Amino acid sequence: MDDLFAPGPDLDAMDRAELLDYLATVRAWIAGLDGEEPEDMDSEAYDAWGDRHEALEDLADDILDRLDELDEP
């Protein structure tokens, strides 16, 4: 999670097991980030934290969408 905004793996090229593993990893990153939430909601640190958190939530949603696509006939 060093460079959160760097391109990640190609979700379209991943199979179901890989997607589920990646989703678990992303959810662990989110949980870790939750423990680092800055107290001052008006700070730049909070803004940066919020951007990282939102990016990870979006990634988790993208993985879930791809899993749904794999379930479609």
N, C-alpha and C. Protein backbone atom coordinates (compact mmCIF):
# COMPACT_ATOMS: atom_id res chain seq x y z
N MET A 1 0.84 -1.20 0.00
CA MET A 1 0.00 0.00 0.00
C MET A 1 0.88 1.24 0.00
N ASP A 2 2.12 1.12 -0.42
CA ASP A 2 3.02 2.26 -0.44
C ASP A 2 2.54 3.37 -1.36
N ASP A 3 2.18 3.00 -2.60
CA ASP A 3 1.68 3.99 -3.53
C ASP A 3 0.25 3.63 -3.89
N LEU A 4 -0.66 4.10 -3.08
CA LEU A 4 -2.06 3.71 -3.18
C LEU A 4 -2.67 4.05 -4.53
N PHE A 5 -2.18 5.11 -5.15
CA PHE A 5 -2.80 5.56 -6.38
C PHE A 5 -2.08 5.02 -7.61
N ALA A 6 -1.11 4.14 -7.43
CA ALA A 6 -0.47 3.47 -8.56
C ALA A 6 -1.42 2.42 -9.09
N PRO A 7 -1.33 2.14 -10.38
CA PRO A 7 -2.22 1.11 -10.92
C PRO A 7 -2.02 -0.22 -10.22
N GLY A 8 -3.11 -0.87 -9.91
CA GLY A 8 -3.06 -2.17 -9.26
C GLY A 8 -3.19 -3.27 -10.29
N PRO A 9 -3.46 -4.46 -9.81
CA PRO A 9 -3.61 -5.57 -10.74
C PRO A 9 -4.84 -5.37 -11.64
N ASP A 10 -4.81 -6.03 -12.77
CA ASP A 10 -5.92 -5.98 -13.72
C ASP A 10 -7.04 -6.87 -13.21
N LEU A 11 -8.10 -6.27 -12.72
CA LEU A 11 -9.20 -7.04 -12.14
C LEU A 11 -9.85 -7.96 -13.17
N ASP A 12 -9.87 -7.53 -14.42
CA ASP A 12 -10.48 -8.33 -15.48
C ASP A 12 -9.69 -9.60 -15.77
N ALA A 13 -8.41 -9.61 -15.43
CA ALA A 13 -7.57 -10.77 -15.70
C ALA A 13 -7.53 -11.74 -14.51
N MET A 14 -8.14 -11.36 -13.40
CA MET A 14 -8.10 -12.18 -12.20
C MET A 14 -9.28 -13.15 -12.17
N ASP A 15 -9.02 -14.37 -11.65
CA ASP A 15 -10.11 -15.32 -11.48
C ASP A 15 -10.78 -15.07 -10.13
N ARG A 16 -11.83 -15.83 -9.86
CA ARG A 16 -12.62 -15.61 -8.65
C ARG A 16 -11.78 -15.72 -7.39
N ALA A 17 -10.93 -16.74 -7.28
CA ALA A 17 -10.10 -16.92 -6.09
C ALA A 17 -9.14 -15.75 -5.90
N GLU A 18 -8.55 -15.29 -6.98
CA GLU A 18 -7.63 -14.15 -6.89
C GLU A 18 -8.37 -12.89 -6.45
N LEU A 19 -9.56 -12.70 -6.99
CA LEU A 19 -10.36 -11.52 -6.62
C LEU A 19 -10.73 -11.56 -5.14
N LEU A 20 -11.12 -12.74 -4.66
CA LEU A 20 -11.49 -12.86 -3.25
C LEU A 20 -10.29 -12.61 -2.35
N ASP A 21 -9.12 -13.10 -2.73
CA ASP A 21 -7.90 -12.86 -1.96
C ASP A 21 -7.56 -11.37 -1.94
N TYR A 22 -7.68 -10.75 -3.11
CA TYR A 22 -7.37 -9.33 -3.22
C TYR A 22 -8.37 -8.50 -2.41
N LEU A 23 -9.64 -8.89 -2.45
CA LEU A 23 -10.67 -8.19 -1.66
C LEU A 23 -10.34 -8.28 -0.18
N ALA A 24 -9.92 -9.44 0.28
CA ALA A 24 -9.55 -9.60 1.69
C ALA A 24 -8.37 -8.69 2.03
N THR A 25 -7.42 -8.59 1.13
CA THR A 25 -6.27 -7.71 1.35
C THR A 25 -6.70 -6.26 1.43
N VAL A 26 -7.54 -5.84 0.50
CA VAL A 26 -8.02 -4.45 0.48
C VAL A 26 -8.81 -4.14 1.75
N ARG A 27 -9.64 -5.08 2.17
CA ARG A 27 -10.41 -4.87 3.41
C ARG A 27 -9.49 -4.78 4.63
N ALA A 28 -8.40 -5.52 4.62
CA ALA A 28 -7.42 -5.42 5.71
C ALA A 28 -6.74 -4.06 5.69
N TRP A 29 -6.45 -3.56 4.49
CA TRP A 29 -5.86 -2.22 4.38
C TRP A 29 -6.82 -1.17 4.94
N ILE A 30 -8.11 -1.32 4.62
CA ILE A 30 -9.12 -0.37 5.11
C ILE A 30 -9.18 -0.43 6.64
N ALA A 31 -9.18 -1.63 7.19
CA ALA A 31 -9.23 -1.78 8.65
C ALA A 31 -8.00 -1.15 9.29
N GLY A 32 -6.85 -1.34 8.70
CA GLY A 32 -5.63 -0.72 9.23
C GLY A 32 -5.70 0.79 9.16
N LEU A 33 -6.23 1.28 8.07
CA LEU A 33 -6.36 2.72 7.90
C LEU A 33 -7.35 3.31 8.90
N ASP A 34 -8.41 2.55 9.20
CA ASP A 34 -9.39 3.01 10.19
C ASP A 34 -8.73 3.29 11.54
N GLY A 35 -7.72 2.50 11.87
CA GLY A 35 -7.01 2.69 13.13
C GLY A 35 -6.07 3.88 13.13
N GLU A 36 -5.86 4.46 11.95
CA GLU A 36 -4.96 5.61 11.82
C GLU A 36 -5.70 6.93 11.59
N GLU A 37 -7.02 6.91 11.75
CA GLU A 37 -7.81 8.11 11.46
C GLU A 37 -7.36 9.29 12.33
N PRO A 38 -6.96 10.39 11.70
CA PRO A 38 -6.56 11.57 12.47
C PRO A 38 -7.74 12.15 13.25
N GLU A 39 -7.45 12.68 14.41
CA GLU A 39 -8.50 13.24 15.26
C GLU A 39 -9.06 14.55 14.72
N ASP A 40 -8.19 15.38 14.15
CA ASP A 40 -8.59 16.70 13.66
C ASP A 40 -9.18 16.58 12.26
N MET A 41 -10.51 16.64 12.19
CA MET A 41 -11.18 16.49 10.90
C MET A 41 -10.94 17.67 9.96
N ASP A 42 -10.39 18.75 10.47
CA ASP A 42 -10.12 19.92 9.64
C ASP A 42 -8.67 19.99 9.19
N SER A 43 -7.90 18.95 9.42
CA SER A 43 -6.48 18.97 9.09
C SER A 43 -6.21 18.41 7.70
N GLU A 44 -5.03 18.76 7.18
CA GLU A 44 -4.59 18.20 5.90
C GLU A 44 -4.38 16.70 6.04
N ALA A 45 -3.92 16.26 7.19
CA ALA A 45 -3.70 14.84 7.43
C ALA A 45 -5.02 14.08 7.31
N TYR A 46 -6.09 14.66 7.81
CA TYR A 46 -7.40 14.01 7.71
C TYR A 46 -7.86 13.95 6.27
N ASP A 47 -7.62 15.03 5.52
CA ASP A 47 -7.99 15.04 4.10
C ASP A 47 -7.25 13.95 3.34
N ALA A 48 -5.95 13.81 3.60
CA ALA A 48 -5.15 12.79 2.94
C ALA A 48 -5.63 11.40 3.35
N TRP A 49 -5.92 11.22 4.63
CA TRP A 49 -6.44 9.95 5.13
C TRP A 49 -7.77 9.63 4.43
N GLY A 50 -8.63 10.62 4.34
CA GLY A 50 -9.94 10.43 3.71
C GLY A 50 -9.81 10.04 2.24
N ASP A 51 -8.86 10.65 1.54
CA ASP A 51 -8.64 10.31 0.13
C ASP A 51 -8.18 8.86 -0.01
N ARG A 52 -7.26 8.45 0.86
CA ARG A 52 -6.78 7.06 0.81
C ARG A 52 -7.90 6.09 1.15
N HIS A 53 -8.68 6.43 2.16
CA HIS A 53 -9.79 5.57 2.58
C HIS A 53 -10.81 5.43 1.45
N GLU A 54 -11.16 6.53 0.83
CA GLU A 54 -12.14 6.51 -0.25
C GLU A 54 -11.62 5.70 -1.44
N ALA A 55 -10.34 5.85 -1.76
CA ALA A 55 -9.75 5.09 -2.87
C ALA A 55 -9.82 3.59 -2.60
N LEU A 56 -9.56 3.19 -1.36
CA LEU A 56 -9.63 1.77 -1.02
C LEU A 56 -11.06 1.27 -1.05
N GLU A 57 -12.00 2.07 -0.59
CA GLU A 57 -13.41 1.67 -0.64
C GLU A 57 -13.86 1.52 -2.09
N ASP A 58 -13.41 2.44 -2.95
CA ASP A 58 -13.75 2.34 -4.38
C ASP A 58 -13.16 1.08 -4.99
N LEU A 59 -11.93 0.75 -4.61
CA LEU A 59 -11.30 -0.46 -5.11
C LEU A 59 -12.07 -1.70 -4.66
N ALA A 60 -12.47 -1.73 -3.40
CA ALA A 60 -13.27 -2.86 -2.90
C ALA A 60 -14.57 -2.98 -3.69
N ASP A 61 -15.21 -1.85 -3.98
CA ASP A 61 -16.44 -1.87 -4.77
C ASP A 61 -16.18 -2.40 -6.18
N ASP A 62 -15.06 -2.00 -6.78
CA ASP A 62 -14.70 -2.48 -8.12
C ASP A 62 -14.49 -4.00 -8.11
N ILE A 63 -13.86 -4.51 -7.08
CA ILE A 63 -13.64 -5.95 -6.97
C ILE A 63 -14.99 -6.67 -6.83
N LEU A 64 -15.86 -6.13 -5.99
CA LEU A 64 -17.19 -6.74 -5.83
C LEU A 64 -17.98 -6.71 -7.13
N ASP A 65 -17.87 -5.62 -7.88
CA ASP A 65 -18.54 -5.54 -9.18
C ASP A 65 -18.01 -6.60 -10.13
N ARG A 66 -16.70 -6.80 -10.13
CA ARG A 66 -16.09 -7.81 -11.01
C ARG A 66 -16.54 -9.22 -10.59
N LEU A 67 -16.63 -9.46 -9.30
CA LEU A 67 -17.14 -10.75 -8.84
C LEU A 67 -18.58 -10.98 -9.30
N ASP A 68 -19.38 -9.93 -9.25
CA ASP A 68 -20.77 -10.03 -9.73
C ASP A 68 -20.80 -10.35 -11.22
N GLU A 69 -19.89 -9.74 -11.99
CA GLU A 69 -19.81 -10.00 -13.42
C GLU A 69 -19.50 -11.46 -13.70
N LEU A 70 -18.62 -12.03 -12.87
CA LEU A 70 -18.27 -13.44 -13.07
C LEU A 70 -19.42 -14.37 -12.76
N ASP A 71 -20.35 -13.92 -11.93
CA ASP A 71 -21.52 -14.74 -11.57
C ASP A 71 -22.63 -14.65 -12.61
N GLU A 72 -22.55 -13.68 -13.51
CA GLU A 72 -23.60 -13.51 -14.52
C GLU A 72 -23.46 -14.59 -15.58
N PRO A 73 -24.60 -15.10 -16.05
CA PRO A 73 -24.55 -16.13 -17.11
C PRO A 73 -24.09 -15.58 -18.45
